[in-house]
């Protein structure tokens, strides 16, 4: 849980001047938690949202179920 909160702080800090990106991330996470979108769907959305932010994409792996991973080029 602490890792997740630290990650959320990183995302918020990275997009401090673009709160709509942070808010979109929260919406994606809510949809994932409520099973409106599946794991491949959340991977695709987060990868697109954080394109160019490899550290954030890599850090998102913490939230993924075992057997899933986003590879950062």
N, C-alpha and C. Protein backbone atom coordinates (compact mmCIF):
# COMPACT_ATOMS: atom_id res chain seq x y z
N UNK A 1 0.83 -1.19 0.00
CA UNK A 1 0.00 0.00 0.00
C UNK A 1 0.87 1.25 0.00
N UNK A 2 1.95 1.23 0.79
CA UNK A 2 2.84 2.39 0.86
C UNK A 2 3.49 2.66 -0.50
N UNK A 3 3.89 1.59 -1.20
CA UNK A 3 4.46 1.75 -2.53
C UNK A 3 3.47 2.41 -3.48
N UNK A 4 2.21 2.01 -3.37
CA UNK A 4 1.18 2.58 -4.24
C UNK A 4 1.00 4.07 -3.96
N UNK A 5 1.02 4.45 -2.69
CA UNK A 5 0.86 5.86 -2.35
C UNK A 5 2.06 6.68 -2.82
N UNK A 6 3.25 6.12 -2.69
CA UNK A 6 4.44 6.81 -3.19
C UNK A 6 4.36 6.98 -4.70
N UNK A 7 3.88 5.96 -5.38
CA UNK A 7 3.75 6.04 -6.83
C UNK A 7 2.75 7.13 -7.22
N UNK A 8 1.63 7.19 -6.53
CA UNK A 8 0.63 8.23 -6.81
C UNK A 8 1.23 9.62 -6.61
N UNK A 9 2.07 9.76 -5.58
CA UNK A 9 2.74 11.04 -5.35
C UNK A 9 3.68 11.38 -6.50
N UNK A 10 4.38 10.36 -7.03
CA UNK A 10 5.29 10.58 -8.16
C UNK A 10 4.51 11.05 -9.39
N UNK A 11 3.39 10.39 -9.65
CA UNK A 11 2.57 10.76 -10.81
C UNK A 11 2.06 12.20 -10.64
N UNK A 12 1.58 12.51 -9.46
CA UNK A 12 1.05 13.85 -9.20
C UNK A 12 2.14 14.90 -9.36
N UNK A 13 3.34 14.62 -8.85
CA UNK A 13 4.45 15.56 -8.96
C UNK A 13 4.87 15.75 -10.42
N UNK A 14 4.92 14.66 -11.16
CA UNK A 14 5.35 14.72 -12.57
C UNK A 14 4.40 15.57 -13.40
N UNK A 15 3.13 15.47 -13.12
CA UNK A 15 2.12 16.18 -13.91
C UNK A 15 1.46 17.31 -13.11
N UNK A 16 2.23 17.94 -12.24
CA UNK A 16 1.70 19.02 -11.41
C UNK A 16 1.09 20.15 -12.21
N UNK A 17 1.65 20.39 -13.41
CA UNK A 17 1.12 21.46 -14.25
C UNK A 17 0.09 20.95 -15.26
N UNK A 18 -0.20 19.64 -15.19
CA UNK A 18 -1.20 19.03 -16.07
C UNK A 18 -2.11 18.11 -15.25
N UNK A 19 -2.92 18.68 -14.38
CA UNK A 19 -3.74 17.85 -13.49
C UNK A 19 -4.70 16.93 -14.23
N UNK A 20 -5.04 17.26 -15.47
CA UNK A 20 -5.95 16.39 -16.21
C UNK A 20 -5.33 15.02 -16.47
N UNK A 21 -4.01 14.95 -16.60
CA UNK A 21 -3.35 13.65 -16.80
C UNK A 21 -3.43 12.83 -15.52
N UNK A 22 -3.15 13.45 -14.39
CA UNK A 22 -3.25 12.76 -13.11
C UNK A 22 -4.68 12.27 -12.88
N UNK A 23 -5.65 13.13 -13.16
CA UNK A 23 -7.05 12.75 -12.98
C UNK A 23 -7.46 11.62 -13.91
N UNK A 24 -6.96 11.64 -15.13
CA UNK A 24 -7.24 10.55 -16.08
C UNK A 24 -6.66 9.24 -15.55
N UNK A 25 -5.45 9.31 -14.97
CA UNK A 25 -4.85 8.12 -14.38
C UNK A 25 -5.73 7.57 -13.27
N UNK A 26 -6.24 8.44 -12.42
CA UNK A 26 -7.12 7.99 -11.33
C UNK A 26 -8.38 7.33 -11.89
N UNK A 27 -8.93 7.88 -12.96
CA UNK A 27 -10.12 7.30 -13.59
C UNK A 27 -9.81 5.91 -14.16
N UNK A 28 -8.64 5.77 -14.77
CA UNK A 28 -8.23 4.47 -15.30
C UNK A 28 -8.14 3.46 -14.16
N UNK A 29 -7.55 3.87 -13.04
CA UNK A 29 -7.39 2.96 -11.91
C UNK A 29 -8.75 2.58 -11.31
N UNK A 30 -9.67 3.52 -11.25
CA UNK A 30 -11.02 3.21 -10.75
C UNK A 30 -11.70 2.20 -11.65
N UNK A 31 -11.58 2.40 -12.95
CA UNK A 31 -12.19 1.47 -13.92
C UNK A 31 -11.58 0.08 -13.81
N UNK A 32 -10.28 0.04 -13.58
CA UNK A 32 -9.58 -1.24 -13.43
C UNK A 32 -10.03 -1.95 -12.15
N UNK A 33 -10.09 -1.21 -11.07
CA UNK A 33 -10.49 -1.80 -9.79
C UNK A 33 -11.92 -2.33 -9.83
N UNK A 34 -12.80 -1.62 -10.52
CA UNK A 34 -14.19 -2.06 -10.61
C UNK A 34 -14.41 -3.06 -11.75
N UNK A 35 -13.32 -3.46 -12.38
CA UNK A 35 -13.31 -4.46 -13.45
C UNK A 35 -14.08 -4.02 -14.69
N UNK A 36 -14.17 -2.70 -14.90
CA UNK A 36 -14.75 -2.18 -16.14
C UNK A 36 -13.78 -2.37 -17.30
N UNK A 37 -12.49 -2.36 -16.98
CA UNK A 37 -11.46 -2.67 -17.98
C UNK A 37 -10.58 -3.78 -17.42
N UNK A 38 -10.06 -4.62 -18.32
CA UNK A 38 -9.23 -5.75 -17.89
C UNK A 38 -7.76 -5.34 -17.85
N UNK A 39 -6.91 -6.29 -17.46
CA UNK A 39 -5.49 -5.99 -17.31
C UNK A 39 -4.85 -5.53 -18.61
N UNK A 40 -5.05 -6.22 -19.75
CA UNK A 40 -4.47 -5.69 -20.99
C UNK A 40 -4.99 -4.29 -21.33
N UNK A 41 -6.23 -4.01 -21.00
CA UNK A 41 -6.80 -2.69 -21.25
C UNK A 41 -6.15 -1.61 -20.41
N UNK A 42 -5.90 -1.91 -19.14
CA UNK A 42 -5.27 -0.92 -18.27
C UNK A 42 -3.82 -0.71 -18.70
N UNK A 43 -3.16 -1.77 -19.13
CA UNK A 43 -1.78 -1.64 -19.62
C UNK A 43 -1.74 -0.72 -20.83
N UNK A 44 -2.65 -0.92 -21.76
CA UNK A 44 -2.68 -0.09 -22.97
C UNK A 44 -2.96 1.37 -22.64
N UNK A 45 -3.91 1.61 -21.77
CA UNK A 45 -4.28 2.99 -21.43
C UNK A 45 -3.16 3.72 -20.69
N UNK A 46 -2.56 3.04 -19.71
CA UNK A 46 -1.49 3.68 -18.93
C UNK A 46 -0.26 3.90 -19.81
N UNK A 47 0.06 2.93 -20.66
CA UNK A 47 1.20 3.09 -21.56
C UNK A 47 1.02 4.30 -22.48
N UNK A 48 -0.19 4.50 -22.96
CA UNK A 48 -0.48 5.65 -23.82
C UNK A 48 -0.45 6.95 -23.03
N UNK A 49 -1.08 6.95 -21.87
CA UNK A 49 -1.16 8.16 -21.05
C UNK A 49 0.23 8.64 -20.62
N UNK A 50 1.10 7.69 -20.26
CA UNK A 50 2.43 8.03 -19.75
C UNK A 50 3.52 7.88 -20.81
N UNK A 51 3.14 7.91 -22.08
CA UNK A 51 4.12 7.77 -23.16
C UNK A 51 5.22 8.82 -22.99
N UNK A 52 6.47 8.35 -23.03
CA UNK A 52 7.60 9.25 -22.85
C UNK A 52 8.05 9.39 -21.41
N UNK A 53 7.33 8.76 -20.50
CA UNK A 53 7.67 8.80 -19.07
C UNK A 53 7.97 7.37 -18.60
N UNK A 54 9.10 6.84 -19.08
CA UNK A 54 9.46 5.45 -18.81
C UNK A 54 9.48 5.09 -17.35
N UNK A 55 9.94 6.01 -16.51
CA UNK A 55 10.00 5.73 -15.07
C UNK A 55 8.60 5.47 -14.50
N UNK A 56 7.63 6.26 -14.95
CA UNK A 56 6.26 6.08 -14.47
C UNK A 56 5.65 4.79 -15.01
N UNK A 57 5.93 4.50 -16.27
CA UNK A 57 5.41 3.26 -16.86
C UNK A 57 6.00 2.06 -16.13
N UNK A 58 7.31 2.08 -15.90
CA UNK A 58 7.96 0.99 -15.18
C UNK A 58 7.38 0.85 -13.77
N UNK A 59 7.19 1.97 -13.09
CA UNK A 59 6.65 1.95 -11.73
C UNK A 59 5.24 1.40 -11.65
N UNK A 60 4.50 1.52 -12.75
CA UNK A 60 3.12 1.04 -12.76
C UNK A 60 3.05 -0.48 -12.61
N UNK A 61 4.13 -1.17 -12.93
CA UNK A 61 4.15 -2.63 -12.79
C UNK A 61 3.75 -3.09 -11.39
N UNK A 62 3.95 -2.24 -10.40
CA UNK A 62 3.58 -2.54 -9.02
C UNK A 62 2.09 -2.87 -8.90
N UNK A 63 1.27 -2.24 -9.74
CA UNK A 63 -0.18 -2.40 -9.65
C UNK A 63 -0.70 -3.62 -10.42
N UNK A 64 0.15 -4.21 -11.25
CA UNK A 64 -0.33 -5.27 -12.14
C UNK A 64 -0.32 -6.63 -11.45
N UNK A 65 -1.29 -7.48 -11.80
CA UNK A 65 -1.32 -8.83 -11.25
C UNK A 65 -0.10 -9.63 -11.69
N UNK A 66 0.20 -10.65 -10.94
CA UNK A 66 1.33 -11.52 -11.27
C UNK A 66 1.17 -12.06 -12.69
N UNK A 67 2.28 -12.08 -13.41
CA UNK A 67 2.25 -12.57 -14.78
C UNK A 67 2.12 -11.47 -15.82
N UNK A 68 1.86 -10.25 -15.37
CA UNK A 68 1.75 -9.10 -16.27
C UNK A 68 2.86 -8.11 -15.97
N UNK A 69 3.38 -7.51 -17.03
CA UNK A 69 4.45 -6.53 -16.87
C UNK A 69 4.48 -5.64 -18.10
N UNK A 70 4.74 -4.37 -17.88
CA UNK A 70 4.95 -3.45 -19.00
C UNK A 70 6.46 -3.32 -19.17
N UNK A 71 6.94 -3.65 -20.36
CA UNK A 71 8.36 -3.47 -20.65
C UNK A 71 8.57 -2.06 -21.18
N UNK A 72 9.58 -1.40 -20.64
CA UNK A 72 9.90 -0.05 -21.07
C UNK A 72 11.08 -0.12 -22.03
N UNK A 73 10.91 0.43 -23.24
CA UNK A 73 12.02 0.37 -24.21
C UNK A 73 13.24 1.15 -23.76
